Amino acid sequence: MESAHDWADHVEFKAGAGAKAMEDNFGIVGEARLLGGAMIVILLIAVVLNEVFAAVDVGSGPFSQISNDLQTTGVAAIGLLIVGLIIVAANAIMSRFGGGMGGM
């Protein structure tokens, strides 16, 4: 009869083997995790920046233009980052079908 400790080790080994087999059989899973993680990080950055700009109101003064520039440039930069991630995702999908840029 197996002890609880042996059983836990066996279950952990099987779970690790299953995850490894999934990544071997479905290589796109790792890419989906990477892209999903990147999207979550972008969302967190947007939430934090939104809260910071809401808390700090630089309405007037000699440095008010800097705040406005940061807000407009930051929105454009995050938009370009999302477009870049869409391109990376499309490249990953196309490489699975035999097309794409292959080397990326």
N, C-alpha and C. Protein backbone atom coordinates (compact mmCIF):
# COMPACT_ATOMS: atom_id res chain seq x y z
N MET A 1 0.84 -1.19 0.00
CA MET A 1 0.00 0.00 0.00
C MET A 1 0.88 1.24 0.00
N GLU A 2 0.57 2.18 -0.84
CA GLU A 2 1.37 3.39 -0.96
C GLU A 2 1.02 4.37 0.15
N SER A 3 2.05 5.09 0.60
CA SER A 3 1.78 6.14 1.58
C SER A 3 1.28 7.39 0.85
N ALA A 4 0.76 8.32 1.62
CA ALA A 4 0.25 9.56 1.02
C ALA A 4 1.37 10.33 0.33
N HIS A 5 2.56 10.28 0.89
CA HIS A 5 3.71 10.99 0.31
C HIS A 5 4.07 10.40 -1.05
N ASP A 6 4.11 9.05 -1.13
CA ASP A 6 4.42 8.41 -2.41
C ASP A 6 3.35 8.73 -3.46
N TRP A 7 2.11 8.73 -3.03
CA TRP A 7 1.02 9.02 -3.95
C TRP A 7 1.12 10.45 -4.47
N ALA A 8 1.45 11.40 -3.58
CA ALA A 8 1.59 12.81 -4.00
C ALA A 8 2.73 12.96 -4.99
N ASP A 9 3.84 12.28 -4.76
CA ASP A 9 4.96 12.33 -5.71
C ASP A 9 4.55 11.76 -7.06
N HIS A 10 3.78 10.68 -7.04
CA HIS A 10 3.34 10.04 -8.28
C HIS A 10 2.40 10.97 -9.06
N VAL A 11 1.48 11.60 -8.36
CA VAL A 11 0.54 12.51 -9.02
C VAL A 11 1.28 13.72 -9.58
N GLU A 12 2.25 14.25 -8.83
CA GLU A 12 3.02 15.40 -9.31
C GLU A 12 3.82 15.03 -10.55
N PHE A 13 4.41 13.83 -10.55
CA PHE A 13 5.16 13.38 -11.71
C PHE A 13 4.25 13.26 -12.92
N LYS A 14 3.08 12.68 -12.74
CA LYS A 14 2.14 12.52 -13.85
C LYS A 14 1.68 13.87 -14.38
N ALA A 15 1.41 14.82 -13.48
CA ALA A 15 0.98 16.15 -13.93
C ALA A 15 2.07 16.82 -14.73
N GLY A 16 3.31 16.71 -14.29
CA GLY A 16 4.42 17.31 -15.02
C GLY A 16 4.62 16.65 -16.37
N ALA A 17 4.45 15.33 -16.43
CA ALA A 17 4.60 14.61 -17.69
C ALA A 17 3.49 15.01 -18.66
N GLY A 18 2.27 15.20 -18.13
CA GLY A 18 1.15 15.61 -18.99
C GLY A 18 1.37 16.98 -19.58
N ALA A 19 1.88 17.91 -18.77
CA ALA A 19 2.14 19.26 -19.26
C ALA A 19 3.23 19.23 -20.32
N LYS A 20 4.26 18.42 -20.09
CA LYS A 20 5.35 18.33 -21.06
C LYS A 20 4.85 17.72 -22.37
N ALA A 21 4.02 16.68 -22.26
CA ALA A 21 3.48 16.05 -23.47
C ALA A 21 2.59 17.02 -24.22
N MET A 22 1.82 17.84 -23.50
CA MET A 22 0.95 18.80 -24.17
C MET A 22 1.77 19.81 -24.95
N GLU A 23 2.88 20.27 -24.36
CA GLU A 23 3.71 21.25 -25.06
C GLU A 23 4.41 20.61 -26.25
N ASP A 24 4.77 19.33 -26.13
CA ASP A 24 5.39 18.65 -27.26
C ASP A 24 4.41 18.45 -28.41
N ASN A 25 3.19 18.06 -28.08
CA ASN A 25 2.20 17.79 -29.11
C ASN A 25 1.59 19.07 -29.67
N PHE A 26 1.40 20.05 -28.84
CA PHE A 26 0.77 21.30 -29.25
C PHE A 26 1.75 22.44 -28.98
N GLY A 27 2.72 22.61 -29.84
CA GLY A 27 3.75 23.63 -29.63
C GLY A 27 3.19 25.03 -29.56
N ILE A 28 2.02 25.22 -30.11
CA ILE A 28 1.43 26.55 -30.10
C ILE A 28 0.93 26.94 -28.71
N VAL A 29 0.80 25.96 -27.80
CA VAL A 29 0.35 26.26 -26.44
C VAL A 29 1.35 27.20 -25.76
N GLY A 30 2.63 26.95 -25.92
CA GLY A 30 3.64 27.83 -25.34
C GLY A 30 3.57 29.24 -25.91
N GLU A 31 3.33 29.32 -27.21
CA GLU A 31 3.21 30.63 -27.84
C GLU A 31 1.95 31.35 -27.37
N ALA A 32 0.88 30.60 -27.19
CA ALA A 32 -0.36 31.21 -26.69
C ALA A 32 -0.17 31.72 -25.26
N ARG A 33 0.56 30.96 -24.45
CA ARG A 33 0.86 31.42 -23.09
C ARG A 33 1.68 32.70 -23.12
N LEU A 34 2.66 32.75 -23.98
CA LEU A 34 3.51 33.93 -24.09
C LEU A 34 2.70 35.15 -24.51
N LEU A 35 1.89 35.00 -25.54
CA LEU A 35 1.09 36.12 -26.03
C LEU A 35 0.01 36.52 -25.03
N GLY A 36 -0.61 35.54 -24.39
CA GLY A 36 -1.60 35.84 -23.36
C GLY A 36 -0.99 36.57 -22.18
N GLY A 37 0.20 36.13 -21.77
CA GLY A 37 0.90 36.82 -20.69
C GLY A 37 1.26 38.24 -21.06
N ALA A 38 1.67 38.44 -22.30
CA ALA A 38 2.00 39.80 -22.76
C ALA A 38 0.76 40.69 -22.75
N MET A 39 -0.37 40.15 -23.17
CA MET A 39 -1.61 40.94 -23.16
C MET A 39 -2.02 41.31 -21.73
N ILE A 40 -1.83 40.37 -20.79
CA ILE A 40 -2.16 40.66 -19.39
C ILE A 40 -1.24 41.74 -18.84
N VAL A 41 0.04 41.69 -19.19
CA VAL A 41 0.98 42.72 -18.73
C VAL A 41 0.59 44.09 -19.31
N ILE A 42 0.21 44.12 -20.57
CA ILE A 42 -0.21 45.39 -21.18
C ILE A 42 -1.45 45.93 -20.47
N LEU A 43 -2.39 45.04 -20.15
CA LEU A 43 -3.59 45.46 -19.43
C LEU A 43 -3.23 46.03 -18.06
N LEU A 44 -2.33 45.35 -17.35
CA LEU A 44 -1.92 45.85 -16.03
C LEU A 44 -1.22 47.21 -16.14
N ILE A 45 -0.39 47.38 -17.14
CA ILE A 45 0.27 48.67 -17.35
C ILE A 45 -0.76 49.76 -17.61
N ALA A 46 -1.75 49.44 -18.43
CA ALA A 46 -2.80 50.43 -18.74
C ALA A 46 -3.59 50.80 -17.49
N VAL A 47 -3.91 49.81 -16.67
CA VAL A 47 -4.66 50.09 -15.44
C VAL A 47 -3.84 50.95 -14.49
N VAL A 48 -2.57 50.61 -14.31
CA VAL A 48 -1.71 51.38 -13.40
C VAL A 48 -1.53 52.81 -13.91
N LEU A 49 -1.25 52.96 -15.21
CA LEU A 49 -1.08 54.31 -15.76
C LEU A 49 -2.37 55.12 -15.66
N ASN A 50 -3.50 54.48 -15.86
CA ASN A 50 -4.77 55.17 -15.74
C ASN A 50 -4.97 55.68 -14.32
N GLU A 51 -4.64 54.87 -13.33
CA GLU A 51 -4.79 55.29 -11.94
C GLU A 51 -3.80 56.39 -11.58
N VAL A 52 -2.58 56.29 -12.08
CA VAL A 52 -1.57 57.32 -11.78
C VAL A 52 -1.98 58.66 -12.38
N PHE A 53 -2.42 58.63 -13.65
CA PHE A 53 -2.81 59.90 -14.28
C PHE A 53 -4.10 60.45 -13.68
N ALA A 54 -4.96 59.59 -13.14
CA ALA A 54 -6.16 60.08 -12.47
C ALA A 54 -5.82 60.69 -11.11
N ALA A 55 -4.81 60.13 -10.43
CA ALA A 55 -4.44 60.62 -9.10
C ALA A 55 -3.62 61.90 -9.17
N VAL A 56 -2.79 62.03 -10.21
CA VAL A 56 -1.92 63.20 -10.34
C VAL A 56 -2.51 64.10 -11.42
N ASP A 57 -3.04 65.21 -10.99
CA ASP A 57 -3.66 66.14 -11.94
C ASP A 57 -2.75 67.35 -12.10
N VAL A 58 -2.09 67.40 -13.24
CA VAL A 58 -1.23 68.54 -13.55
C VAL A 58 -2.00 69.39 -14.55
N GLY A 59 -2.95 70.14 -14.04
CA GLY A 59 -3.84 70.91 -14.91
C GLY A 59 -3.19 72.15 -15.50
N SER A 60 -2.37 72.82 -14.71
CA SER A 60 -1.74 74.04 -15.21
C SER A 60 -0.35 74.14 -14.62
N GLY A 61 0.41 75.00 -15.20
CA GLY A 61 1.79 75.19 -14.74
C GLY A 61 2.77 74.98 -15.87
N PRO A 62 4.03 75.19 -15.58
CA PRO A 62 5.04 75.10 -16.64
C PRO A 62 5.25 73.67 -17.14
N PHE A 63 4.89 72.66 -16.34
CA PHE A 63 5.13 71.27 -16.74
C PHE A 63 3.86 70.53 -17.12
N SER A 64 2.78 71.25 -17.33
CA SER A 64 1.52 70.58 -17.67
C SER A 64 1.57 69.93 -19.05
N GLN A 65 2.34 70.50 -19.96
CA GLN A 65 2.45 69.93 -21.30
C GLN A 65 3.14 68.56 -21.27
N ILE A 66 4.07 68.36 -20.33
CA ILE A 66 4.76 67.07 -20.24
C ILE A 66 3.75 65.97 -19.91
N SER A 67 2.84 66.25 -18.99
CA SER A 67 1.81 65.26 -18.64
C SER A 67 0.93 64.94 -19.84
N ASN A 68 0.54 65.95 -20.58
CA ASN A 68 -0.29 65.73 -21.78
C ASN A 68 0.46 64.91 -22.83
N ASP A 69 1.74 65.23 -23.02
CA ASP A 69 2.54 64.48 -24.00
C ASP A 69 2.69 63.02 -23.60
N LEU A 70 2.93 62.78 -22.31
CA LEU A 70 3.06 61.41 -21.84
C LEU A 70 1.77 60.62 -22.05
N GLN A 71 0.65 61.27 -21.81
CA GLN A 71 -0.62 60.57 -21.98
C GLN A 71 -0.89 60.23 -23.44
N THR A 72 -0.67 61.16 -24.35
CA THR A 72 -0.96 60.89 -25.75
C THR A 72 0.05 59.93 -26.37
N THR A 73 1.33 60.12 -26.05
CA THR A 73 2.37 59.24 -26.59
C THR A 73 2.24 57.84 -26.01
N GLY A 74 1.91 57.75 -24.73
CA GLY A 74 1.75 56.44 -24.09
C GLY A 74 0.63 55.63 -24.70
N VAL A 75 -0.48 56.29 -25.00
CA VAL A 75 -1.61 55.59 -25.62
C VAL A 75 -1.21 55.08 -27.00
N ALA A 76 -0.51 55.90 -27.76
CA ALA A 76 -0.07 55.47 -29.09
C ALA A 76 0.93 54.31 -29.00
N ALA A 77 1.83 54.36 -28.03
CA ALA A 77 2.84 53.31 -27.88
C ALA A 77 2.19 51.99 -27.50
N ILE A 78 1.22 52.01 -26.59
CA ILE A 78 0.54 50.77 -26.21
C ILE A 78 -0.27 50.23 -27.39
N GLY A 79 -0.87 51.11 -28.17
CA GLY A 79 -1.58 50.66 -29.37
C GLY A 79 -0.66 49.97 -30.35
N LEU A 80 0.54 50.53 -30.56
CA LEU A 80 1.51 49.89 -31.45
C LEU A 80 2.00 48.56 -30.90
N LEU A 81 2.14 48.48 -29.59
CA LEU A 81 2.56 47.23 -28.96
C LEU A 81 1.52 46.13 -29.19
N ILE A 82 0.26 46.48 -29.09
CA ILE A 82 -0.82 45.50 -29.33
C ILE A 82 -0.82 45.07 -30.79
N VAL A 83 -0.61 46.00 -31.71
CA VAL A 83 -0.53 45.63 -33.13
C VAL A 83 0.65 44.68 -33.36
N GLY A 84 1.77 44.95 -32.71
CA GLY A 84 2.93 44.06 -32.82
C GLY A 84 2.63 42.66 -32.31
N LEU A 85 1.90 42.56 -31.20
CA LEU A 85 1.54 41.25 -30.68
C LEU A 85 0.59 40.51 -31.61
N ILE A 86 -0.30 41.23 -32.26
CA ILE A 86 -1.20 40.60 -33.23
C ILE A 86 -0.39 40.05 -34.41
N ILE A 87 0.63 40.79 -34.83
CA ILE A 87 1.48 40.32 -35.93
C ILE A 87 2.26 39.07 -35.51
N VAL A 88 2.78 39.06 -34.28
CA VAL A 88 3.49 37.88 -33.79
C VAL A 88 2.56 36.67 -33.72
N ALA A 89 1.33 36.89 -33.24
CA ALA A 89 0.35 35.79 -33.17
C ALA A 89 0.02 35.27 -34.57
N ALA A 90 -0.17 36.17 -35.51
CA ALA A 90 -0.47 35.75 -36.88
C ALA A 90 0.70 34.97 -37.47
N ASN A 91 1.92 35.39 -37.18
CA ASN A 91 3.09 34.68 -37.67
C ASN A 91 3.16 33.28 -37.07
N ALA A 92 2.84 33.15 -35.78
CA ALA A 92 2.85 31.84 -35.14
C ALA A 92 1.82 30.91 -35.77
N ILE A 93 0.65 31.43 -36.04
CA ILE A 93 -0.41 30.62 -36.66
C ILE A 93 0.00 30.23 -38.07
N MET A 94 0.53 31.17 -38.83
CA MET A 94 0.93 30.86 -40.20
C MET A 94 2.09 29.86 -40.24
N SER A 95 2.99 29.92 -39.27
CA SER A 95 4.09 28.96 -39.26
C SER A 95 3.59 27.55 -38.98
N ARG A 96 2.47 27.42 -38.26
CA ARG A 96 1.87 26.10 -38.03
C ARG A 96 1.28 25.52 -39.31
N PHE A 97 0.88 26.39 -40.22
CA PHE A 97 0.30 25.94 -41.47
C PHE A 97 1.34 25.87 -42.60
N GLY A 98 2.60 26.07 -42.25
CA GLY A 98 3.65 25.96 -43.25
C GLY A 98 4.02 27.25 -43.91
N GLY A 99 3.41 28.35 -43.54
CA GLY A 99 3.75 29.65 -44.12
C GLY A 99 4.46 30.49 -43.08
N GLY A 100 4.25 31.76 -43.13
CA GLY A 100 4.85 32.66 -42.14
C GLY A 100 6.28 32.97 -42.45
N MET A 101 6.92 33.65 -41.52
CA MET A 101 8.31 34.07 -41.73
C MET A 101 9.29 33.06 -41.17
N GLY A 102 8.83 32.00 -40.61
CA GLY A 102 9.66 30.88 -40.19
C GLY A 102 10.71 31.19 -39.15
N GLY A 103 11.57 32.14 -39.41
CA GLY A 103 12.69 32.41 -38.52
C GLY A 103 12.36 33.23 -37.29
N MET A 104 11.17 33.79 -37.23
CA MET A 104 10.84 34.65 -36.09
C MET A 104 10.56 33.85 -34.87
